[in-house]
Amino acid sequence: MVDTETYTIEGPDGETDELELPEGLVDALAEQGESPTTVVTEIALLSFVQRSHAIVHHAEGEAPADLTEINEKAEELFEERFGMTFGEATGHDH
């Protein structure tokens, strides 16, 4: 049986929630020398950018302007964090 480990996420208003993951999963996804917290943070950022990108670029109809701006900012933050654009990282560019 696999044990779990818990990560706590805190929002800007101080509210927290917990994320429980199978023990060893974060280590399996880490690059050499990367801390577990960094791995969780980077995967969270990747997930948010993937979701916002999909809504803005792949949903039926046009996305609202504010969501388009939010996605652009998310992709900027992705590039700052990873040193490459979302398109370069995923091989999916518009």
Protein backbone atom coordinates (compact mmCIF):
# COMPACT_ATOMS: atom_id res chain seq x y z
CA MET A 1 0.00 0.00 0.00
CA VAL A 2 1.25 3.47 -0.88
CA ASP A 3 1.22 6.17 1.77
CA THR A 4 0.32 9.76 0.98
CA GLU A 5 1.86 13.14 1.65
CA THR A 6 0.01 16.41 2.06
CA TYR A 7 0.84 19.84 0.66
CA THR A 8 -0.92 22.96 1.92
CA ILE A 9 -1.83 25.74 -0.48
CA GLU A 10 -2.50 29.21 0.89
CA GLY A 11 -4.42 31.84 -1.06
CA PRO A 12 -3.90 35.60 -0.97
CA ASP A 13 -6.68 35.96 1.60
CA GLY A 14 -5.05 33.45 3.96
CA GLU A 15 -7.51 30.65 3.22
CA THR A 16 -5.83 27.26 2.92
CA ASP A 17 -6.61 23.94 1.32
CA GLU A 18 -4.72 20.67 1.30
CA LEU A 19 -3.57 18.56 -1.61
CA GLU A 20 -2.94 14.91 -0.83
CA LEU A 21 -0.71 12.99 -3.23
CA PRO A 22 0.72 9.48 -3.28
CA GLU A 23 4.10 9.43 -1.60
CA GLY A 24 6.84 9.26 -4.21
CA LEU A 25 4.84 10.89 -7.01
CA VAL A 26 6.39 14.34 -6.53
CA ASP A 27 9.88 12.82 -6.36
CA ALA A 28 9.23 10.86 -9.56
CA LEU A 29 8.31 14.10 -11.37
CA ALA A 30 11.18 16.19 -9.97
CA GLU A 31 14.26 17.17 -11.87
CA GLN A 32 17.59 16.66 -10.12
CA GLY A 33 17.92 18.92 -7.08
CA GLU A 34 14.38 20.30 -7.33
CA SER A 35 12.52 20.62 -4.03
CA PRO A 36 9.15 18.90 -3.64
CA THR A 37 7.42 22.24 -3.07
CA THR A 38 8.87 23.62 -6.32
CA VAL A 39 7.64 20.55 -8.21
CA VAL A 40 4.09 20.98 -6.87
CA THR A 41 4.15 24.72 -7.61
CA GLU A 42 5.40 24.29 -11.15
CA ILE A 43 2.87 21.58 -11.95
CA ALA A 44 0.10 23.79 -10.56
CA LEU A 45 1.24 26.68 -12.79
CA LEU A 46 1.44 24.39 -15.82
CA SER A 47 -2.06 23.08 -15.13
CA PHE A 48 -3.56 26.57 -14.78
CA VAL A 49 -1.91 27.76 -18.00
CA GLN A 50 -3.05 24.65 -19.90
CA ARG A 51 -6.63 25.17 -18.73
CA SER A 52 -6.75 28.89 -19.48
CA HIS A 53 -5.11 28.33 -22.87
CA ALA A 54 -7.70 25.68 -23.74
CA ILE A 55 -10.60 27.93 -22.75
CA VAL A 56 -9.29 30.92 -24.70
CA HIS A 57 -7.99 29.14 -27.80
CA HIS A 58 -10.00 25.94 -28.12
CA ALA A 59 -13.51 26.60 -26.80
CA GLU A 60 -16.38 27.26 -29.16
CA GLY A 61 -16.96 30.92 -29.82
CA GLU A 62 -14.84 33.82 -28.76
CA ALA A 63 -13.46 34.03 -25.24
CA PRO A 64 -14.33 37.13 -23.19
CA ALA A 65 -11.67 39.86 -23.43
CA ASP A 66 -10.89 39.72 -19.72
CA LEU A 67 -10.21 35.98 -19.90
CA THR A 68 -7.98 36.50 -22.93
CA GLU A 69 -5.96 39.05 -20.92
CA ILE A 70 -5.80 36.70 -17.95
CA ASN A 71 -4.49 33.91 -20.19
CA GLU A 72 -1.88 36.23 -21.69
CA LYS A 73 -0.65 37.10 -18.19
CA ALA A 74 -0.63 33.41 -17.20
CA GLU A 75 1.48 32.59 -20.24
CA GLU A 76 3.85 35.47 -19.35
CA LEU A 77 4.25 34.09 -15.82
CA PHE A 78 4.87 30.64 -17.30
CA GLU A 79 7.65 32.03 -19.49
CA GLU A 80 9.22 33.88 -16.56
CA ARG A 81 9.21 30.71 -14.45
CA PHE A 82 10.36 28.20 -17.07
CA GLY A 83 12.46 30.36 -19.40
CA MET A 84 10.44 29.36 -22.46
CA THR A 85 7.03 30.12 -23.87
CA PHE A 86 4.08 27.84 -23.25
CA GLY A 87 4.11 27.03 -26.97
CA GLU A 88 7.79 26.06 -26.87
CA ALA A 89 7.26 23.89 -23.79
CA THR A 90 4.26 22.06 -25.21
CA GLY A 91 4.99 22.13 -28.94
CA HIS A 92 1.61 23.82 -29.28
CA ASP A 93 1.81 27.38 -30.51
CA HIS A 94 -0.74 29.76 -32.02
